[in-house]
């Protein structure tokens, strides 16, 4: 599936469900300000997935 479609689907879910139903009180502001990062992993095994996760977590500390 195309990354753009995956990202837009998840963004719509975030806005409609998580923010729309107020499931996470901390999600609304960053979502409205376009500060939520969406990353699609192409990992095919656990090790690659963990590397992707580690990279994304490092970006949170910047």
PDB file of N, CA and C in Angstrom:
ATOM      1  N   UNK A   1       0.848  -1.184   0.000  1.00  0.00           N
ATOM      2  CA  UNK A   1       0.000   0.000   0.000  1.00  0.00           C
ATOM      3  C   UNK A   1       0.892   1.246   0.000  1.00  0.00           C
ATOM      4  N   UNK A   2       0.468   2.256  -0.696  1.00  0.00           N
ATOM      5  CA  UNK A   2       1.196   3.517  -0.818  1.00  0.00           C
ATOM      6  C   UNK A   2       1.327   4.206   0.542  1.00  0.00           C
ATOM      7  N   UNK A   3       2.536   4.686   0.847  1.00  0.00           N
ATOM      8  CA  UNK A   3       2.776   5.369   2.131  1.00  0.00           C
ATOM      9  C   UNK A   3       1.834   6.547   2.347  1.00  0.00           C
ATOM     10  N   UNK A   4       1.551   7.284   1.303  1.00  0.00           N
ATOM     11  CA  UNK A   4       0.675   8.449   1.424  1.00  0.00           C
ATOM     12  C   UNK A   4      -0.718   8.036   1.882  1.00  0.00           C
ATOM     13  N   UNK A   5      -1.208   6.947   1.343  1.00  0.00           N
ATOM     14  CA  UNK A   5      -2.532   6.452   1.735  1.00  0.00           C
ATOM     15  C   UNK A   5      -2.517   5.994   3.189  1.00  0.00           C
ATOM     16  N   UNK A   6      -1.467   5.280   3.573  1.00  0.00           N
ATOM     17  CA  UNK A   6      -1.351   4.808   4.958  1.00  0.00           C
ATOM     18  C   UNK A   6      -1.322   5.994   5.912  1.00  0.00           C
ATOM     19  N   UNK A   7      -0.484   6.976   5.621  1.00  0.00           N
ATOM     20  CA  UNK A   7      -0.357   8.144   6.499  1.00  0.00           C
ATOM     21  C   UNK A   7      -1.664   8.924   6.586  1.00  0.00           C
ATOM     22  N   UNK A   8      -2.330   9.129   5.464  1.00  0.00           N
ATOM     23  CA  UNK A   8      -3.581   9.897   5.500  1.00  0.00           C
ATOM     24  C   UNK A   8      -4.682   9.131   6.227  1.00  0.00           C
ATOM     25  N   UNK A   9      -4.694   7.815   6.107  1.00  0.00           N
ATOM     26  CA  UNK A   9      -5.681   7.003   6.815  1.00  0.00           C
ATOM     27  C   UNK A   9      -5.465   7.075   8.321  1.00  0.00           C
ATOM     28  N   UNK A  10      -4.215   6.976   8.742  1.00  0.00           N
ATOM     29  CA  UNK A  10      -3.907   7.054  10.176  1.00  0.00           C
ATOM     30  C   UNK A  10      -4.188   8.462  10.698  1.00  0.00           C
ATOM     31  N   UNK A  11      -3.858   9.482   9.924  1.00  0.00           N
ATOM     32  CA  UNK A  11      -4.133  10.863  10.340  1.00  0.00           C
ATOM     33  C   UNK A  11      -5.632  11.093  10.501  1.00  0.00           C
ATOM     34  N   UNK A  12      -6.419  10.555   9.586  1.00  0.00           N
ATOM     35  CA  UNK A  12      -7.875  10.684   9.678  1.00  0.00           C
ATOM     36  C   UNK A  12      -8.396   9.968  10.925  1.00  0.00           C
ATOM     37  N   UNK A  13      -7.869   8.771  11.198  1.00  0.00           N
ATOM     38  CA  UNK A  13      -8.257   8.025  12.403  1.00  0.00           C
ATOM     39  C   UNK A  13      -7.887   8.818  13.657  1.00  0.00           C
ATOM     40  N   UNK A  14      -6.683   9.387  13.673  1.00  0.00           N
ATOM     41  CA  UNK A  14      -6.249  10.191  14.814  1.00  0.00           C
ATOM     42  C   UNK A  14      -7.230  11.334  15.057  1.00  0.00           C
ATOM     43  N   UNK A  15      -7.562  12.059  14.009  1.00  0.00           N
ATOM     44  CA  UNK A  15      -8.464  13.206  14.158  1.00  0.00           C
ATOM     45  C   UNK A  15      -9.901  12.798  14.476  1.00  0.00           C
ATOM     46  N   UNK A  16     -10.393  11.785  13.799  1.00  0.00           N
ATOM     47  CA  UNK A  16     -11.791  11.377  13.996  1.00  0.00           C
ATOM     48  C   UNK A  16     -12.014  10.638  15.309  1.00  0.00           C
ATOM     49  N   UNK A  17     -11.110   9.749  15.646  1.00  0.00           N
ATOM     50  CA  UNK A  17     -11.319   8.882  16.803  1.00  0.00           C
ATOM     51  C   UNK A  17     -10.604   9.412  18.044  1.00  0.00           C
ATOM     52  N   UNK A  18      -9.289   9.502  17.980  1.00  0.00           N
ATOM     53  CA  UNK A  18      -8.519   9.873  19.175  1.00  0.00           C
ATOM     54  C   UNK A  18      -8.846  11.294  19.619  1.00  0.00           C
ATOM     55  N   UNK A  19      -8.788  12.238  18.690  1.00  0.00           N
ATOM     56  CA  UNK A  19      -9.083  13.630  19.031  1.00  0.00           C
ATOM     57  C   UNK A  19     -10.595  13.851  19.077  1.00  0.00           C
ATOM     58  N   UNK A  20     -11.295  13.350  18.080  1.00  0.00           N
ATOM     59  CA  UNK A  20     -12.739  13.567  17.987  1.00  0.00           C
ATOM     60  C   UNK A  20     -13.521  13.034  19.173  1.00  0.00           C
ATOM     61  N   UNK A  21     -13.106  11.899  19.696  1.00  0.00           N
ATOM     62  CA  UNK A  21     -13.779  11.311  20.859  1.00  0.00           C
ATOM     63  C   UNK A  21     -13.085  11.673  22.171  1.00  0.00           C
ATOM     64  N   UNK A  22     -12.076  12.537  22.069  1.00  0.00           N
ATOM     65  CA  UNK A  22     -11.310  12.995  23.229  1.00  0.00           C
ATOM     66  C   UNK A  22     -10.746  11.824  24.040  1.00  0.00           C
ATOM     67  N   UNK A  23     -10.231  10.818  23.325  1.00  0.00           N
ATOM     68  CA  UNK A  23      -9.644   9.659  23.996  1.00  0.00           C
ATOM     69  C   UNK A  23      -8.305   9.990  24.634  1.00  0.00           C
ATOM     70  N   UNK A  24      -7.610  10.959  24.074  1.00  0.00           N
ATOM     71  CA  UNK A  24      -6.339  11.398  24.643  1.00  0.00           C
ATOM     72  C   UNK A  24      -6.358  12.921  24.710  1.00  0.00           C
ATOM     73  N   UNK A  25      -6.409  13.470  25.910  1.00  0.00           N
ATOM     74  CA  UNK A  25      -6.499  14.926  26.036  1.00  0.00           C
ATOM     75  C   UNK A  25      -5.246  15.652  25.542  1.00  0.00           C
ATOM     76  N   UNK A  26      -4.159  14.922  25.359  1.00  0.00           N
ATOM     77  CA  UNK A  26      -2.908  15.541  24.921  1.00  0.00           C
ATOM     78  C   UNK A  26      -2.739  15.531  23.406  1.00  0.00           C
ATOM     79  N   UNK A  27      -3.599  14.850  22.680  1.00  0.00           N
ATOM     80  CA  UNK A  27      -3.426  14.677  21.238  1.00  0.00           C
ATOM     81  C   UNK A  27      -3.990  15.824  20.408  1.00  0.00           C
ATOM     82  N   UNK A  28      -4.979  16.518  20.921  1.00  0.00           N
ATOM     83  CA  UNK A  28      -5.674  17.527  20.131  1.00  0.00           C
ATOM     84  C   UNK A  28      -4.802  18.660  19.642  1.00  0.00           C
ATOM     85  N   UNK A  29      -4.075  19.286  20.536  1.00  0.00           N
ATOM     86  CA  UNK A  29      -3.271  20.452  20.157  1.00  0.00           C
ATOM     87  C   UNK A  29      -2.199  20.105  19.123  1.00  0.00           C
ATOM     88  N   UNK A  30      -1.355  19.080  19.363  1.00  0.00           N
ATOM     89  CA  UNK A  30      -0.354  18.759  18.338  1.00  0.00           C
ATOM     90  C   UNK A  30      -0.982  18.348  17.000  1.00  0.00           C
ATOM     91  N   UNK A  31      -2.107  17.665  17.046  1.00  0.00           N
ATOM     92  CA  UNK A  31      -2.764  17.259  15.796  1.00  0.00           C
ATOM     93  C   UNK A  31      -3.238  18.484  15.023  1.00  0.00           C
ATOM     94  N   UNK A  32      -3.845  19.430  15.714  1.00  0.00           N
ATOM     95  CA  UNK A  32      -4.344  20.643  15.057  1.00  0.00           C
ATOM     96  C   UNK A  32      -3.208  21.512  14.533  1.00  0.00           C
ATOM     97  N   UNK A  33      -2.053  21.436  15.192  1.00  0.00           N
ATOM     98  CA  UNK A  33      -0.895  22.237  14.780  1.00  0.00           C
ATOM     99  C   UNK A  33       0.002  21.488  13.795  1.00  0.00           C
ATOM    100  N   UNK A  34      -0.460  20.343  13.308  1.00  0.00           N
ATOM    101  CA  UNK A  34       0.320  19.529  12.359  1.00  0.00           C
ATOM    102  C   UNK A  34       1.692  19.150  12.896  1.00  0.00           C
ATOM    103  N   UNK A  35       1.769  18.835  14.179  1.00  0.00           N
ATOM    104  CA  UNK A  35       3.043  18.469  14.793  1.00  0.00           C
ATOM    105  C   UNK A  35       3.139  16.973  15.093  1.00  0.00           C
ATOM    106  N   UNK A  36       2.256  16.187  14.498  1.00  0.00           N
ATOM    107  CA  UNK A  36       2.299  14.740  14.677  1.00  0.00           C
ATOM    108  C   UNK A  36       3.036  14.145  13.483  1.00  0.00           C
ATOM    109  N   UNK A  37       4.044  13.361  13.779  1.00  0.00           N
ATOM    110  CA  UNK A  37       4.832  12.727  12.722  1.00  0.00           C
ATOM    111  C   UNK A  37       4.271  11.335  12.451  1.00  0.00           C
ATOM    112  N   UNK A  38       4.105  11.013  11.184  1.00  0.00           N
ATOM    113  CA  UNK A  38       3.653   9.690  10.776  1.00  0.00           C
ATOM    114  C   UNK A  38       4.786   9.026  10.006  1.00  0.00           C
ATOM    115  N   UNK A  39       5.140   7.831  10.409  1.00  0.00           N
ATOM    116  CA  UNK A  39       6.226   7.087   9.774  1.00  0.00           C
ATOM    117  C   UNK A  39       5.722   5.701   9.410  1.00  0.00           C
ATOM    118  N   UNK A  40       5.979   5.291   8.192  1.00  0.00           N
ATOM    119  CA  UNK A  40       5.591   3.958   7.742  1.00  0.00           C
ATOM    120  C   UNK A  40       6.846   3.101   7.669  1.00  0.00           C
ATOM    121  N   UNK A  41       6.881   2.081   8.480  1.00  0.00           N
ATOM    122  CA  UNK A  41       8.021   1.167   8.494  1.00  0.00           C
ATOM    123  C   UNK A  41       7.876   0.136   7.379  1.00  0.00           C
ATOM    124  N   UNK A  42       8.996  -0.171   6.773  1.00  0.00           N
ATOM    125  CA  UNK A  42       9.028  -1.217   5.754  1.00  0.00           C
ATOM    126  C   UNK A  42       9.784  -2.431   6.269  1.00  0.00           C
ATOM    127  N   UNK A  43       9.880  -2.530   7.580  1.00  0.00           N
ATOM    128  CA  UNK A  43      10.595  -3.640   8.206  1.00  0.00           C
ATOM    129  C   UNK A  43       9.929  -4.965   7.849  1.00  0.00           C
ATOM    130  N   UNK A  44      10.777  -5.961   7.666  1.00  0.00           N
ATOM    131  CA  UNK A  44      10.265  -7.298   7.357  1.00  0.00           C
ATOM    132  C   UNK A  44      10.543  -8.288   8.484  1.00  0.00           C
ATOM    133  N   UNK A  45      11.270  -7.823   9.501  1.00  0.00           N
ATOM    134  CA  UNK A  45      11.508  -8.688  10.653  1.00  0.00           C
ATOM    135  C   UNK A  45      11.580  -7.840  11.916  1.00  0.00           C
ATOM    136  N   UNK A  46      11.607  -8.519  13.046  1.00  0.00           N
ATOM    137  CA  UNK A  46      11.582  -7.821  14.334  1.00  0.00           C
ATOM    138  C   UNK A  46      12.765  -6.884  14.518  1.00  0.00           C
ATOM    139  N   UNK A  47      13.939  -7.316  14.104  1.00  0.00           N
ATOM    140  CA  UNK A  47      15.132  -6.493  14.292  1.00  0.00           C
ATOM    141  C   UNK A  47      15.035  -5.184  13.510  1.00  0.00           C
ATOM    142  N   UNK A  48      14.606  -5.263  12.269  1.00  0.00           N
ATOM    143  CA  UNK A  48      14.441  -4.048  11.465  1.00  0.00           C
ATOM    144  C   UNK A  48      13.382  -3.133  12.068  1.00  0.00           C
ATOM    145  N   UNK A  49      12.309  -3.726  12.556  1.00  0.00           N
ATOM    146  CA  UNK A  49      11.250  -2.934  13.173  1.00  0.00           C
ATOM    147  C   UNK A  49      11.753  -2.226  14.427  1.00  0.00           C
ATOM    148  N   UNK A  50      12.541  -2.919  15.230  1.00  0.00           N
ATOM    149  CA  UNK A  50      13.107  -2.298  16.428  1.00  0.00           C
ATOM    150  C   UNK A  50      14.064  -1.167  16.068  1.00  0.00           C
ATOM    151  N   UNK A  51      14.804  -1.328  14.982  1.00  0.00           N
ATOM    152  CA  UNK A  51      15.690  -0.248  14.525  1.00  0.00           C
ATOM    153  C   UNK A  51      14.876   0.971  14.095  1.00  0.00           C
ATOM    154  N   UNK A  52      13.799   0.740  13.376  1.00  0.00           N
ATOM    155  CA  UNK A  52      12.923   1.849  12.982  1.00  0.00           C
ATOM    156  C   UNK A  52      12.355   2.547  14.211  1.00  0.00           C
ATOM    157  N   UNK A  53      11.906   1.751  15.166  1.00  0.00           N
ATOM    158  CA  UNK A  53      11.348   2.305  16.396  1.00  0.00           C
ATOM    159  C   UNK A  53      12.389   3.122  17.150  1.00  0.00           C
ATOM    160  N   UNK A  54      13.610   2.609  17.228  1.00  0.00           N
ATOM    161  CA  UNK A  54      14.685   3.335  17.912  1.00  0.00           C
ATOM    162  C   UNK A  54      14.958   4.676  17.229  1.00  0.00           C
ATOM    163  N   UNK A  55      14.984   4.671  15.900  1.00  0.00           N
ATOM    164  CA  UNK A  55      15.209   5.921  15.159  1.00  0.00           C
ATOM    165  C   UNK A  55      14.113   6.938  15.442  1.00  0.00           C
ATOM    166  N   UNK A  56      12.881   6.490  15.442  1.00  0.00           N
ATOM    167  CA  UNK A  56      11.759   7.394  15.702  1.00  0.00           C
ATOM    168  C   UNK A  56      11.795   7.917  17.134  1.00  0.00           C
ATOM    169  N   UNK A  57      12.181   7.079  18.064  1.00  0.00           N
ATOM    170  CA  UNK A  57      12.276   7.514  19.462  1.00  0.00           C
ATOM    171  C   UNK A  57      13.388   8.547  19.634  1.00  0.00           C
ATOM    172  N   UNK A  58      14.481   8.377  18.910  1.00  0.00           N
ATOM    173  CA  UNK A  58      15.572   9.357  18.973  1.00  0.00           C
ATOM    174  C   UNK A  58      15.094  10.725  18.483  1.00  0.00           C
ATOM    175  N   UNK A  59      14.227  10.736  17.497  1.00  0.00           N
ATOM    176  CA  UNK A  59      13.707  12.005  16.982  1.00  0.00           C
ATOM    177  C   UNK A  59      12.879  12.742  18.030  1.00  0.00           C
ATOM    178  N   UNK A  60      12.297  12.008  18.965  1.00  0.00           N
ATOM    179  CA  UNK A  60      11.515  12.647  20.026  1.00  0.00           C
ATOM    180  C   UNK A  60      12.391  13.431  20.992  1.00  0.00           C
ATOM    181  N   UNK A  61      13.670  13.091  21.053  1.00  0.00           N
ATOM    182  CA  UNK A  61      14.568  13.759  21.998  1.00  0.00           C
ATOM    183  C   UNK A  61      15.227  14.993  21.405  1.00  0.00           C
ATOM    184  N   UNK A  62      15.049  15.208  20.121  1.00  0.00           N
ATOM    185  CA  UNK A  62      15.692  16.352  19.451  1.00  0.00           C
ATOM    186  C   UNK A  62      14.933  17.623  19.758  1.00  0.00           C
TER     187      UNK A  62
END
